[in-house]
Amino acid sequence: MDGRRIVGLTPTLIADAGLQLVEAGEPFGVNAIARSLEVRPSSLYKHVSGLDDIVELMRGHLVERYRVVPERQAWDTYVEQVVRLQRRMYADHPALLPFLIGKTITSPSVIEAYDDLAVVLQSGGFPDGEILTFIGMIDAFAIGFGLELASPEQVWQPDAPTRLFGRLLADSGSGSGRVERSFELALEVLLGALRDRLPAGGQG
């Protein structure tokens, strides 16, 4: 190995290398990332404390690429923008999701993005006691519809007669058109439900 390569090592390079390994289905770990960067594993530990740190770098790197910065738009416009971009992020990088689940979020850029959302919701008139719940709802919504976007065209295929489900599937069509219609309807319902929770005088 060329020790001189270590000089250019940065957290961004480490995050990129980790993402490339995960998305290629290659073995993922400190040693694998070091090999892909042609450095010694010990060189990585000058920038990270371990694998969890690398996962957080990857998470933060992705969120920065798909982040919506508040610009005085209405809260529901902002939420819609966040959902659309987060959905796209999970659809573009579904292989990363298993590594993110179950790990405490510590990335400063990710925390800042959540803080932005919390402030926008509070400014829109939502009570503090409900904001974290709504952030969780928005997260779950984006993850679910992001994975649907990355799923096979035919998600359900009943092998036996059904009372209603089979006909609904047949009537719904297939392909990207069905997926987008489903998402747009669900997003309308989500935003409507949030508007309904606004106390009197909120900025709905």
N, C-alpha and C. Protein backbone atom coordinates (compact mmCIF):
# COMPACT_ATOMS: atom_id res chain seq x y z
N MET A 1 0.82 -1.20 0.00
CA MET A 1 0.00 0.00 0.00
C MET A 1 0.86 1.25 0.00
N ASP A 2 0.40 2.28 -0.66
CA ASP A 2 1.13 3.54 -0.73
C ASP A 2 0.68 4.43 0.42
N GLY A 3 1.55 4.59 1.41
CA GLY A 3 1.20 5.37 2.57
C GLY A 3 0.87 6.81 2.26
N ARG A 4 1.35 7.28 1.10
CA ARG A 4 1.08 8.67 0.75
C ARG A 4 -0.40 8.91 0.46
N ARG A 5 -1.16 7.86 0.13
CA ARG A 5 -2.58 8.03 -0.13
C ARG A 5 -3.34 8.51 1.10
N ILE A 6 -2.76 8.23 2.28
CA ILE A 6 -3.42 8.57 3.54
C ILE A 6 -3.59 10.08 3.68
N VAL A 7 -2.68 10.85 3.09
CA VAL A 7 -2.70 12.30 3.26
C VAL A 7 -4.02 12.88 2.77
N GLY A 8 -4.58 12.33 1.68
CA GLY A 8 -5.81 12.87 1.11
C GLY A 8 -7.08 12.29 1.68
N LEU A 9 -6.98 11.44 2.69
CA LEU A 9 -8.16 10.78 3.23
C LEU A 9 -9.02 11.78 4.00
N THR A 10 -10.32 11.78 3.72
CA THR A 10 -11.25 12.68 4.39
C THR A 10 -12.51 11.91 4.78
N PRO A 11 -13.30 12.45 5.72
CA PRO A 11 -14.57 11.80 6.05
C PRO A 11 -15.48 11.64 4.84
N THR A 12 -15.46 12.60 3.92
CA THR A 12 -16.30 12.49 2.72
C THR A 12 -15.88 11.32 1.85
N LEU A 13 -14.57 11.13 1.69
CA LEU A 13 -14.08 9.99 0.91
C LEU A 13 -14.48 8.67 1.58
N ILE A 14 -14.40 8.62 2.89
CA ILE A 14 -14.78 7.41 3.62
C ILE A 14 -16.27 7.12 3.42
N ALA A 15 -17.11 8.17 3.53
CA ALA A 15 -18.54 8.00 3.33
C ALA A 15 -18.85 7.53 1.92
N ASP A 16 -18.21 8.12 0.93
CA ASP A 16 -18.43 7.72 -0.46
C ASP A 16 -18.04 6.27 -0.69
N ALA A 17 -16.90 5.89 -0.12
CA ALA A 17 -16.44 4.50 -0.29
C ALA A 17 -17.42 3.52 0.35
N GLY A 18 -17.92 3.87 1.54
CA GLY A 18 -18.89 3.01 2.19
C GLY A 18 -20.16 2.86 1.37
N LEU A 19 -20.68 3.98 0.84
CA LEU A 19 -21.88 3.95 0.01
C LEU A 19 -21.68 3.09 -1.23
N GLN A 20 -20.54 3.23 -1.86
CA GLN A 20 -20.27 2.45 -3.06
C GLN A 20 -20.25 0.95 -2.77
N LEU A 21 -19.66 0.57 -1.64
CA LEU A 21 -19.61 -0.84 -1.27
C LEU A 21 -21.01 -1.39 -1.01
N VAL A 22 -21.79 -0.64 -0.23
CA VAL A 22 -23.15 -1.10 0.11
C VAL A 22 -24.00 -1.23 -1.15
N GLU A 23 -23.95 -0.25 -2.02
CA GLU A 23 -24.81 -0.26 -3.19
C GLU A 23 -24.36 -1.28 -4.23
N ALA A 24 -23.10 -1.67 -4.18
CA ALA A 24 -22.60 -2.72 -5.08
C ALA A 24 -22.81 -4.11 -4.50
N GLY A 25 -23.32 -4.18 -3.26
CA GLY A 25 -23.52 -5.48 -2.62
C GLY A 25 -22.23 -6.13 -2.18
N GLU A 26 -21.18 -5.33 -2.01
CA GLU A 26 -19.87 -5.86 -1.59
C GLU A 26 -19.81 -5.95 -0.07
N PRO A 27 -18.87 -6.74 0.46
CA PRO A 27 -18.69 -6.78 1.91
C PRO A 27 -18.46 -5.38 2.46
N PHE A 28 -19.08 -5.11 3.58
CA PHE A 28 -19.04 -3.76 4.15
C PHE A 28 -18.47 -3.81 5.55
N GLY A 29 -17.45 -3.04 5.79
CA GLY A 29 -16.83 -2.97 7.09
C GLY A 29 -15.61 -2.07 7.02
N VAL A 30 -14.97 -1.85 8.15
CA VAL A 30 -13.80 -0.97 8.18
C VAL A 30 -12.72 -1.49 7.27
N ASN A 31 -12.42 -2.79 7.33
CA ASN A 31 -11.35 -3.35 6.51
C ASN A 31 -11.68 -3.26 5.03
N ALA A 32 -12.96 -3.51 4.68
CA ALA A 32 -13.37 -3.45 3.27
C ALA A 32 -13.25 -2.03 2.74
N ILE A 33 -13.65 -1.05 3.55
CA ILE A 33 -13.56 0.35 3.13
C ILE A 33 -12.09 0.75 2.98
N ALA A 34 -11.26 0.31 3.92
CA ALA A 34 -9.83 0.63 3.82
C ALA A 34 -9.23 0.04 2.54
N ARG A 35 -9.59 -1.21 2.21
CA ARG A 35 -9.08 -1.81 0.98
C ARG A 35 -9.52 -1.03 -0.25
N SER A 36 -10.79 -0.59 -0.26
CA SER A 36 -11.30 0.13 -1.42
C SER A 36 -10.60 1.47 -1.60
N LEU A 37 -10.13 2.06 -0.50
CA LEU A 37 -9.43 3.34 -0.55
C LEU A 37 -7.91 3.17 -0.64
N GLU A 38 -7.47 1.90 -0.56
CA GLU A 38 -6.04 1.58 -0.63
C GLU A 38 -5.26 2.25 0.51
N VAL A 39 -5.84 2.14 1.69
CA VAL A 39 -5.16 2.63 2.89
C VAL A 39 -5.23 1.55 3.95
N ARG A 40 -4.48 1.71 4.99
CA ARG A 40 -4.53 0.79 6.12
C ARG A 40 -5.78 1.11 6.97
N PRO A 41 -6.38 0.09 7.59
CA PRO A 41 -7.53 0.35 8.47
C PRO A 41 -7.22 1.38 9.55
N SER A 42 -5.99 1.38 10.04
CA SER A 42 -5.63 2.33 11.08
C SER A 42 -5.75 3.77 10.61
N SER A 43 -5.60 3.98 9.29
CA SER A 43 -5.73 5.34 8.76
C SER A 43 -7.16 5.86 8.90
N LEU A 44 -8.13 4.95 8.76
CA LEU A 44 -9.52 5.36 8.90
C LEU A 44 -9.81 5.83 10.32
N TYR A 45 -9.15 5.20 11.29
CA TYR A 45 -9.44 5.54 12.68
C TYR A 45 -8.90 6.90 13.08
N LYS A 46 -8.18 7.57 12.18
CA LYS A 46 -7.81 8.96 12.42
C LYS A 46 -8.99 9.89 12.16
N HIS A 47 -10.01 9.36 11.47
CA HIS A 47 -11.17 10.17 11.10
C HIS A 47 -12.47 9.66 11.72
N VAL A 48 -12.54 8.39 12.07
CA VAL A 48 -13.75 7.78 12.63
C VAL A 48 -13.38 6.89 13.79
N SER A 49 -14.36 6.63 14.66
CA SER A 49 -14.09 5.78 15.82
C SER A 49 -14.46 4.32 15.55
N GLY A 50 -15.17 4.06 14.47
CA GLY A 50 -15.58 2.70 14.15
C GLY A 50 -16.64 2.67 13.08
N LEU A 51 -17.25 1.51 12.91
CA LEU A 51 -18.21 1.33 11.83
C LEU A 51 -19.45 2.20 12.01
N ASP A 52 -19.94 2.33 13.23
CA ASP A 52 -21.11 3.17 13.47
C ASP A 52 -20.85 4.61 13.03
N ASP A 53 -19.64 5.08 13.27
CA ASP A 53 -19.25 6.42 12.84
C ASP A 53 -19.31 6.54 11.32
N ILE A 54 -18.86 5.50 10.64
CA ILE A 54 -18.87 5.51 9.17
C ILE A 54 -20.30 5.53 8.66
N VAL A 55 -21.18 4.74 9.27
CA VAL A 55 -22.58 4.73 8.87
C VAL A 55 -23.19 6.12 9.04
N GLU A 56 -22.84 6.79 10.12
CA GLU A 56 -23.37 8.14 10.33
C GLU A 56 -22.82 9.12 9.30
N LEU A 57 -21.56 8.94 8.92
CA LEU A 57 -21.01 9.76 7.84
C LEU A 57 -21.79 9.54 6.55
N MET A 58 -22.11 8.29 6.27
CA MET A 58 -22.87 7.96 5.07
C MET A 58 -24.26 8.57 5.12
N ARG A 59 -24.91 8.44 6.29
CA ARG A 59 -26.24 9.01 6.46
C ARG A 59 -26.21 10.54 6.25
N GLY A 60 -25.24 11.18 6.89
CA GLY A 60 -25.14 12.63 6.77
C GLY A 60 -24.82 13.06 5.35
N HIS A 61 -23.98 12.30 4.67
CA HIS A 61 -23.61 12.62 3.29
C HIS A 61 -24.84 12.56 2.39
N LEU A 62 -25.67 11.55 2.58
CA LEU A 62 -26.88 11.43 1.77
C LEU A 62 -27.87 12.53 2.08
N VAL A 63 -28.10 12.78 3.35
CA VAL A 63 -29.08 13.80 3.73
C VAL A 63 -28.68 15.17 3.17
N GLU A 64 -27.39 15.47 3.17
CA GLU A 64 -26.94 16.75 2.61
C GLU A 64 -27.31 16.86 1.13
N ARG A 65 -27.25 15.74 0.42
CA ARG A 65 -27.56 15.75 -1.02
C ARG A 65 -29.05 15.88 -1.29
N TYR A 66 -29.89 15.48 -0.35
CA TYR A 66 -31.34 15.48 -0.55
C TYR A 66 -32.05 16.43 0.42
N ARG A 67 -31.35 17.37 0.95
CA ARG A 67 -31.89 18.21 2.00
C ARG A 67 -32.66 19.40 1.44
N VAL A 68 -33.72 19.79 2.14
CA VAL A 68 -34.48 21.00 1.81
C VAL A 68 -34.20 22.02 2.91
N VAL A 69 -33.67 23.16 2.52
CA VAL A 69 -33.40 24.23 3.49
C VAL A 69 -34.61 25.16 3.53
N PRO A 70 -35.15 25.44 4.72
CA PRO A 70 -36.32 26.34 4.81
C PRO A 70 -36.01 27.71 4.23
N GLU A 71 -36.95 28.22 3.45
CA GLU A 71 -36.79 29.55 2.85
C GLU A 71 -38.09 30.34 2.97
N ARG A 72 -38.65 30.33 4.17
CA ARG A 72 -39.87 31.08 4.48
C ARG A 72 -41.10 30.54 3.75
N GLN A 73 -41.02 29.32 3.21
CA GLN A 73 -42.22 28.75 2.60
C GLN A 73 -43.19 28.29 3.69
N ALA A 74 -44.47 28.14 3.32
CA ALA A 74 -45.47 27.66 4.28
C ALA A 74 -45.08 26.27 4.77
N TRP A 75 -45.52 25.95 5.99
CA TRP A 75 -45.10 24.69 6.60
C TRP A 75 -45.50 23.49 5.74
N ASP A 76 -46.71 23.53 5.13
CA ASP A 76 -47.14 22.37 4.36
C ASP A 76 -46.36 22.25 3.04
N THR A 77 -45.97 23.38 2.47
CA THR A 77 -45.11 23.35 1.28
C THR A 77 -43.76 22.74 1.63
N TYR A 78 -43.23 23.13 2.79
CA TYR A 78 -41.94 22.60 3.23
C TYR A 78 -42.02 21.10 3.49
N VAL A 79 -43.05 20.67 4.21
CA VAL A 79 -43.22 19.24 4.49
C VAL A 79 -43.32 18.45 3.19
N GLU A 80 -44.09 18.96 2.25
CA GLU A 80 -44.22 18.27 0.96
C GLU A 80 -42.87 18.15 0.26
N GLN A 81 -42.08 19.21 0.27
CA GLN A 81 -40.76 19.17 -0.35
C GLN A 81 -39.86 18.15 0.34
N VAL A 82 -39.90 18.13 1.68
CA VAL A 82 -39.09 17.18 2.45
C VAL A 82 -39.49 15.75 2.12
N VAL A 83 -40.78 15.47 2.11
CA VAL A 83 -41.25 14.11 1.83
C VAL A 83 -40.83 13.67 0.43
N ARG A 84 -40.99 14.53 -0.53
CA ARG A 84 -40.65 14.15 -1.91
C ARG A 84 -39.16 13.84 -2.06
N LEU A 85 -38.32 14.66 -1.44
CA LEU A 85 -36.88 14.41 -1.56
C LEU A 85 -36.44 13.21 -0.73
N GLN A 86 -37.00 13.05 0.48
CA GLN A 86 -36.65 11.88 1.29
C GLN A 86 -37.09 10.59 0.60
N ARG A 87 -38.27 10.63 0.02
CA ARG A 87 -38.74 9.46 -0.74
C ARG A 87 -37.75 9.11 -1.84
N ARG A 88 -37.31 10.13 -2.56
CA ARG A 88 -36.34 9.91 -3.64
C ARG A 88 -35.04 9.34 -3.10
N MET A 89 -34.61 9.85 -1.93
CA MET A 89 -33.37 9.37 -1.33
C MET A 89 -33.44 7.88 -1.01
N TYR A 90 -34.54 7.46 -0.36
CA TYR A 90 -34.67 6.05 0.00
C TYR A 90 -34.85 5.17 -1.24
N ALA A 91 -35.51 5.69 -2.26
CA ALA A 91 -35.68 4.93 -3.50
C ALA A 91 -34.34 4.78 -4.22
N ASP A 92 -33.52 5.81 -4.17
CA ASP A 92 -32.22 5.77 -4.84
C ASP A 92 -31.20 4.91 -4.10
N HIS A 93 -31.38 4.75 -2.78
CA HIS A 93 -30.38 4.05 -1.97
C HIS A 93 -31.02 3.05 -1.01
N PRO A 94 -31.84 2.13 -1.51
CA PRO A 94 -32.53 1.19 -0.61
C PRO A 94 -31.58 0.24 0.12
N ALA A 95 -30.43 -0.04 -0.47
CA ALA A 95 -29.50 -0.99 0.15
C ALA A 95 -28.90 -0.45 1.44
N LEU A 96 -28.93 0.88 1.61
CA LEU A 96 -28.35 1.47 2.81
C LEU A 96 -29.27 1.37 4.02
N LEU A 97 -30.57 1.23 3.76
CA LEU A 97 -31.54 1.30 4.86
C LEU A 97 -31.28 0.30 5.97
N PRO A 98 -30.95 -0.98 5.68
CA PRO A 98 -30.70 -1.91 6.79
C PRO A 98 -29.56 -1.48 7.71
N PHE A 99 -28.61 -0.72 7.18
CA PHE A 99 -27.49 -0.27 8.00
C PHE A 99 -27.89 0.93 8.87
N LEU A 100 -28.92 1.67 8.45
CA LEU A 100 -29.35 2.84 9.20
C LEU A 100 -30.29 2.49 10.34
N ILE A 101 -31.14 1.46 10.11
CA ILE A 101 -32.14 1.08 11.11
C ILE A 101 -31.44 0.56 12.37
N GLY A 102 -31.90 1.03 13.50
CA GLY A 102 -31.37 0.54 14.77
C GLY A 102 -30.13 1.28 15.24
N LYS A 103 -29.67 2.28 14.48
CA LYS A 103 -28.50 3.04 14.90
C LYS A 103 -28.94 4.45 15.30
N THR A 104 -28.48 4.89 16.45
CA THR A 104 -28.81 6.23 16.93
C THR A 104 -28.26 7.28 15.97
N ILE A 105 -29.09 8.25 15.63
CA ILE A 105 -28.68 9.31 14.71
C ILE A 105 -27.88 10.35 15.47
N THR A 106 -26.63 10.55 15.05
CA THR A 106 -25.76 11.54 15.69
C THR A 106 -25.19 12.53 14.68
N SER A 107 -25.33 12.26 13.40
CA SER A 107 -24.75 13.14 12.37
C SER A 107 -25.25 14.57 12.54
N PRO A 108 -24.34 15.54 12.69
CA PRO A 108 -24.78 16.93 12.87
C PRO A 108 -25.66 17.44 11.74
N SER A 109 -25.36 17.07 10.51
CA SER A 109 -26.17 17.56 9.39
C SER A 109 -27.56 16.95 9.41
N VAL A 110 -27.68 15.70 9.86
CA VAL A 110 -29.00 15.06 9.94
C VAL A 110 -29.80 15.67 11.08
N ILE A 111 -29.17 15.85 12.23
CA ILE A 111 -29.84 16.50 13.36
C ILE A 111 -30.31 17.89 12.97
N GLU A 112 -29.48 18.61 12.23
CA GLU A 112 -29.85 19.97 11.80
C GLU A 112 -31.06 19.93 10.88
N ALA A 113 -31.13 18.93 10.01
CA ALA A 113 -32.28 18.80 9.11
C ALA A 113 -33.56 18.53 9.90
N TYR A 114 -33.47 17.68 10.92
CA TYR A 114 -34.63 17.43 11.78
C TYR A 114 -35.01 18.70 12.56
N ASP A 115 -34.00 19.44 12.98
CA ASP A 115 -34.25 20.67 13.71
C ASP A 115 -34.98 21.68 12.82
N ASP A 116 -34.57 21.75 11.55
CA ASP A 116 -35.27 22.61 10.59
C ASP A 116 -36.75 22.24 10.52
N LEU A 117 -37.02 20.95 10.41
CA LEU A 117 -38.41 20.49 10.29
C LEU A 117 -39.19 20.83 11.55
N ALA A 118 -38.57 20.62 12.72
CA ALA A 118 -39.24 20.93 13.99
C ALA A 118 -39.59 22.42 14.07
N VAL A 119 -38.65 23.27 13.69
CA VAL A 119 -38.87 24.71 13.76
C VAL A 119 -39.97 25.14 12.79
N VAL A 120 -39.97 24.57 11.59
CA VAL A 120 -41.00 24.91 10.61
C VAL A 120 -42.38 24.49 11.12
N LEU A 121 -42.48 23.30 11.71
CA LEU A 121 -43.77 22.85 12.24
C LEU A 121 -44.22 23.74 13.40
N GLN A 122 -43.28 24.09 14.27
CA GLN A 122 -43.65 24.97 15.39
C GLN A 122 -44.11 26.33 14.88
N SER A 123 -43.40 26.86 13.89
CA SER A 123 -43.77 28.15 13.32
C SER A 123 -45.14 28.09 12.63
N GLY A 124 -45.50 26.90 12.14
CA GLY A 124 -46.79 26.73 11.50
C GLY A 124 -47.94 26.67 12.48
N GLY A 125 -47.63 26.54 13.77
CA GLY A 125 -48.68 26.55 14.78
C GLY A 125 -48.89 25.24 15.50
N PHE A 126 -48.08 24.22 15.21
CA PHE A 126 -48.26 22.93 15.87
C PHE A 126 -47.70 22.98 17.29
N PRO A 127 -48.38 22.36 18.25
CA PRO A 127 -47.90 22.37 19.64
C PRO A 127 -46.64 21.53 19.80
N ASP A 128 -45.77 21.97 20.68
CA ASP A 128 -44.50 21.27 20.89
C ASP A 128 -44.70 19.79 21.22
N GLY A 129 -45.74 19.48 21.97
CA GLY A 129 -45.96 18.10 22.41
C GLY A 129 -46.30 17.13 21.29
N GLU A 130 -46.61 17.65 20.10
CA GLU A 130 -46.98 16.77 18.99
C GLU A 130 -45.94 16.74 17.87
N ILE A 131 -44.98 17.64 17.93
CA ILE A 131 -44.06 17.81 16.79
C ILE A 131 -43.20 16.56 16.56
N LEU A 132 -42.65 15.97 17.61
CA LEU A 132 -41.82 14.77 17.41
C LEU A 132 -42.62 13.64 16.79
N THR A 133 -43.87 13.49 17.21
CA THR A 133 -44.72 12.46 16.62
C THR A 133 -44.90 12.70 15.12
N PHE A 134 -45.14 13.95 14.75
CA PHE A 134 -45.34 14.27 13.33
C PHE A 134 -44.05 14.07 12.53
N ILE A 135 -42.91 14.36 13.13
CA ILE A 135 -41.64 14.12 12.44
C ILE A 135 -41.47 12.62 12.19
N GLY A 136 -41.82 11.80 13.19
CA GLY A 136 -41.76 10.36 13.00
C GLY A 136 -42.69 9.87 11.91
N MET A 137 -43.89 10.45 11.87
CA MET A 137 -44.84 10.11 10.80
C MET A 137 -44.29 10.44 9.42
N ILE A 138 -43.71 11.62 9.31
CA ILE A 138 -43.16 12.06 8.03
C ILE A 138 -42.01 11.15 7.60
N ASP A 139 -41.16 10.78 8.55
CA ASP A 139 -40.06 9.85 8.27
C ASP A 139 -40.59 8.51 7.77
N ALA A 140 -41.54 7.95 8.51
CA ALA A 140 -42.07 6.63 8.15
C ALA A 140 -42.74 6.67 6.78
N PHE A 141 -43.45 7.74 6.52
CA PHE A 141 -44.13 7.91 5.23
C PHE A 141 -43.11 7.92 4.09
N ALA A 142 -42.04 8.71 4.25
CA ALA A 142 -41.03 8.81 3.19
C ALA A 142 -40.31 7.49 2.99
N ILE A 143 -39.99 6.80 4.07
CA ILE A 143 -39.32 5.50 3.95
C ILE A 143 -40.21 4.50 3.21
N GLY A 144 -41.47 4.41 3.65
CA GLY A 144 -42.38 3.45 3.04
C GLY A 144 -42.58 3.68 1.56
N PHE A 145 -42.84 4.92 1.18
CA PHE A 145 -43.08 5.20 -0.24
C PHE A 145 -41.78 5.23 -1.04
N GLY A 146 -40.66 5.47 -0.38
CA GLY A 146 -39.38 5.34 -1.06
C GLY A 146 -39.10 3.90 -1.42
N LEU A 147 -39.36 2.99 -0.48
CA LEU A 147 -39.15 1.57 -0.75
C LEU A 147 -40.13 1.06 -1.80
N GLU A 148 -41.37 1.60 -1.80
CA GLU A 148 -42.32 1.21 -2.84
C GLU A 148 -41.80 1.61 -4.21
N LEU A 149 -41.18 2.77 -4.30
CA LEU A 149 -40.64 3.23 -5.57
C LEU A 149 -39.51 2.34 -6.05
N ALA A 150 -38.79 1.72 -5.10
CA ALA A 150 -37.69 0.84 -5.44
C ALA A 150 -38.11 -0.62 -5.57
N SER A 151 -39.39 -0.90 -5.34
CA SER A 151 -39.90 -2.28 -5.35
C SER A 151 -40.18 -2.75 -6.77
N PRO A 152 -40.41 -4.07 -6.94
CA PRO A 152 -40.78 -4.59 -8.26
C PRO A 152 -42.09 -3.96 -8.73
N GLU A 153 -42.32 -3.95 -10.03
CA GLU A 153 -43.54 -3.36 -10.58
C GLU A 153 -44.77 -4.04 -10.02
N GLN A 154 -44.69 -5.36 -9.84
CA GLN A 154 -45.83 -6.11 -9.29
C GLN A 154 -45.50 -6.50 -7.86
N VAL A 155 -46.01 -5.72 -6.92
CA VAL A 155 -45.69 -5.95 -5.51
C VAL A 155 -46.50 -7.11 -4.95
N TRP A 156 -47.79 -7.20 -5.32
CA TRP A 156 -48.67 -8.25 -4.82
C TRP A 156 -49.14 -9.13 -5.98
N GLN A 157 -49.16 -10.44 -5.74
CA GLN A 157 -49.67 -11.38 -6.75
C GLN A 157 -50.38 -12.53 -6.03
N PRO A 158 -51.67 -12.36 -5.73
CA PRO A 158 -52.39 -13.42 -5.01
C PRO A 158 -52.41 -14.71 -5.81
N ASP A 159 -52.16 -15.83 -5.13
CA ASP A 159 -52.18 -17.14 -5.78
C ASP A 159 -53.55 -17.81 -5.66
N ALA A 160 -54.44 -17.23 -4.89
CA ALA A 160 -55.78 -17.79 -4.69
C ALA A 160 -56.81 -16.67 -4.80
N PRO A 161 -58.06 -17.00 -5.06
CA PRO A 161 -59.10 -15.96 -5.18
C PRO A 161 -59.20 -15.14 -3.88
N THR A 162 -59.47 -13.87 -4.03
CA THR A 162 -59.67 -12.98 -2.89
C THR A 162 -61.07 -12.38 -2.95
N ARG A 163 -61.55 -11.86 -1.83
CA ARG A 163 -62.89 -11.27 -1.81
C ARG A 163 -62.91 -9.91 -2.51
N LEU A 164 -61.83 -9.14 -2.35
CA LEU A 164 -61.81 -7.79 -2.90
C LEU A 164 -60.43 -7.38 -3.39
N PHE A 165 -59.40 -7.81 -2.68
CA PHE A 165 -58.04 -7.34 -2.93
C PHE A 165 -57.60 -7.57 -4.38
N GLY A 166 -57.88 -8.73 -4.91
CA GLY A 166 -57.47 -9.05 -6.27
C GLY A 166 -58.07 -8.10 -7.29
N ARG A 167 -59.36 -7.79 -7.14
CA ARG A 167 -60.01 -6.87 -8.08
C ARG A 167 -59.43 -5.47 -7.96
N LEU A 168 -59.16 -5.04 -6.72
CA LEU A 168 -58.55 -3.72 -6.54
C LEU A 168 -57.19 -3.65 -7.23
N LEU A 169 -56.43 -4.74 -7.13
CA LEU A 169 -55.13 -4.77 -7.79
C LEU A 169 -55.29 -4.67 -9.30
N ALA A 170 -56.22 -5.42 -9.84
CA ALA A 170 -56.44 -5.41 -11.29
C ALA A 170 -56.90 -4.03 -11.76
N ASP A 171 -57.75 -3.39 -10.98
CA ASP A 171 -58.29 -2.07 -11.37
C ASP A 171 -57.26 -0.95 -11.23
N SER A 172 -56.25 -1.16 -10.39
CA SER A 172 -55.30 -0.09 -10.10
C SER A 172 -54.26 0.09 -11.19
N GLY A 173 -54.15 -0.86 -12.09
CA GLY A 173 -53.13 -0.78 -13.13
C GLY A 173 -51.78 -1.18 -12.59
N SER A 174 -50.73 -0.85 -13.33
CA SER A 174 -49.39 -1.24 -12.91
C SER A 174 -48.39 -0.19 -13.38
N GLY A 175 -47.14 -0.41 -13.01
CA GLY A 175 -46.08 0.47 -13.44
C GLY A 175 -45.98 1.75 -12.64
N SER A 176 -45.19 2.67 -13.18
CA SER A 176 -44.90 3.91 -12.46
C SER A 176 -46.14 4.78 -12.26
N GLY A 177 -47.09 4.69 -13.20
CA GLY A 177 -48.30 5.49 -13.06
C GLY A 177 -49.08 5.13 -11.82
N ARG A 178 -49.24 3.83 -11.54
CA ARG A 178 -49.95 3.41 -10.34
C ARG A 178 -49.21 3.86 -9.09
N VAL A 179 -47.88 3.69 -9.10
CA VAL A 179 -47.08 4.06 -7.94
C VAL A 179 -47.20 5.55 -7.65
N GLU A 180 -47.14 6.37 -8.69
CA GLU A 180 -47.22 7.81 -8.49
C GLU A 180 -48.62 8.25 -8.03
N ARG A 181 -49.66 7.64 -8.60
CA ARG A 181 -51.03 7.97 -8.15
C ARG A 181 -51.20 7.62 -6.68
N SER A 182 -50.67 6.47 -6.29
CA SER A 182 -50.76 6.05 -4.90
C SER A 182 -50.04 7.03 -3.98
N PHE A 183 -48.85 7.43 -4.37
CA PHE A 183 -48.07 8.36 -3.56
C PHE A 183 -48.75 9.72 -3.44
N GLU A 184 -49.25 10.24 -4.55
CA GLU A 184 -49.87 11.57 -4.52
C GLU A 184 -51.12 11.58 -3.65
N LEU A 185 -51.92 10.51 -3.72
CA LEU A 185 -53.11 10.43 -2.88
C LEU A 185 -52.71 10.34 -1.40
N ALA A 186 -51.73 9.50 -1.11
CA ALA A 186 -51.30 9.34 0.28
C ALA A 186 -50.70 10.63 0.82
N LEU A 187 -49.94 11.35 0.01
CA LEU A 187 -49.36 12.61 0.45
C LEU A 187 -50.46 13.64 0.73
N GLU A 188 -51.49 13.65 -0.11
CA GLU A 188 -52.63 14.55 0.12
C GLU A 188 -53.31 14.22 1.45
N VAL A 189 -53.45 12.93 1.74
CA VAL A 189 -54.07 12.51 3.01
C VAL A 189 -53.19 12.91 4.19
N LEU A 190 -51.87 12.70 4.06
CA LEU A 190 -50.95 13.06 5.14
C LEU A 190 -51.02 14.55 5.45
N LEU A 191 -50.93 15.38 4.42
CA LEU A 191 -50.96 16.82 4.64
C LEU A 191 -52.32 17.27 5.18
N GLY A 192 -53.39 16.65 4.71
CA GLY A 192 -54.72 16.97 5.21
C GLY A 192 -54.86 16.62 6.68
N ALA A 193 -54.31 15.46 7.06
CA ALA A 193 -54.38 15.05 8.46
C ALA A 193 -53.59 16.01 9.35
N LEU A 194 -52.44 16.46 8.87
CA LEU A 194 -51.66 17.43 9.65
C LEU A 194 -52.41 18.76 9.77
N ARG A 195 -53.01 19.21 8.70
CA ARG A 195 -53.78 20.47 8.76
C ARG A 195 -54.92 20.35 9.77
N ASP A 196 -55.53 19.17 9.82
CA ASP A 196 -56.66 18.97 10.75
C ASP A 196 -56.21 19.02 12.21
N ARG A 197 -54.91 18.79 12.46
CA ARG A 197 -54.40 18.81 13.83
C ARG A 197 -54.01 20.21 14.29
N LEU A 198 -53.99 21.16 13.35
CA LEU A 198 -53.60 22.52 13.74
C LEU A 198 -54.62 23.12 14.71
N PRO A 199 -54.13 23.66 15.82
CA PRO A 199 -55.05 24.37 16.72
C PRO A 199 -55.64 25.59 16.01
N ALA A 200 -56.72 26.09 16.52
CA ALA A 200 -57.31 27.31 15.96
C ALA A 200 -56.28 28.42 15.96
N GLY A 201 -56.19 29.10 14.83
CA GLY A 201 -55.20 30.17 14.71
C GLY A 201 -53.89 29.71 14.09
N GLY A 202 -53.75 28.38 13.83
CA GLY A 202 -52.55 27.88 13.19
C GLY A 202 -52.50 28.31 11.74
N GLN A 203 -51.32 28.21 11.15
CA GLN A 203 -51.12 28.69 9.78
C GLN A 203 -51.38 27.55 8.79
N GLY A 204 -52.63 27.13 8.66
CA GLY A 204 -52.96 26.04 7.75
C GLY A 204 -53.14 26.53 6.35
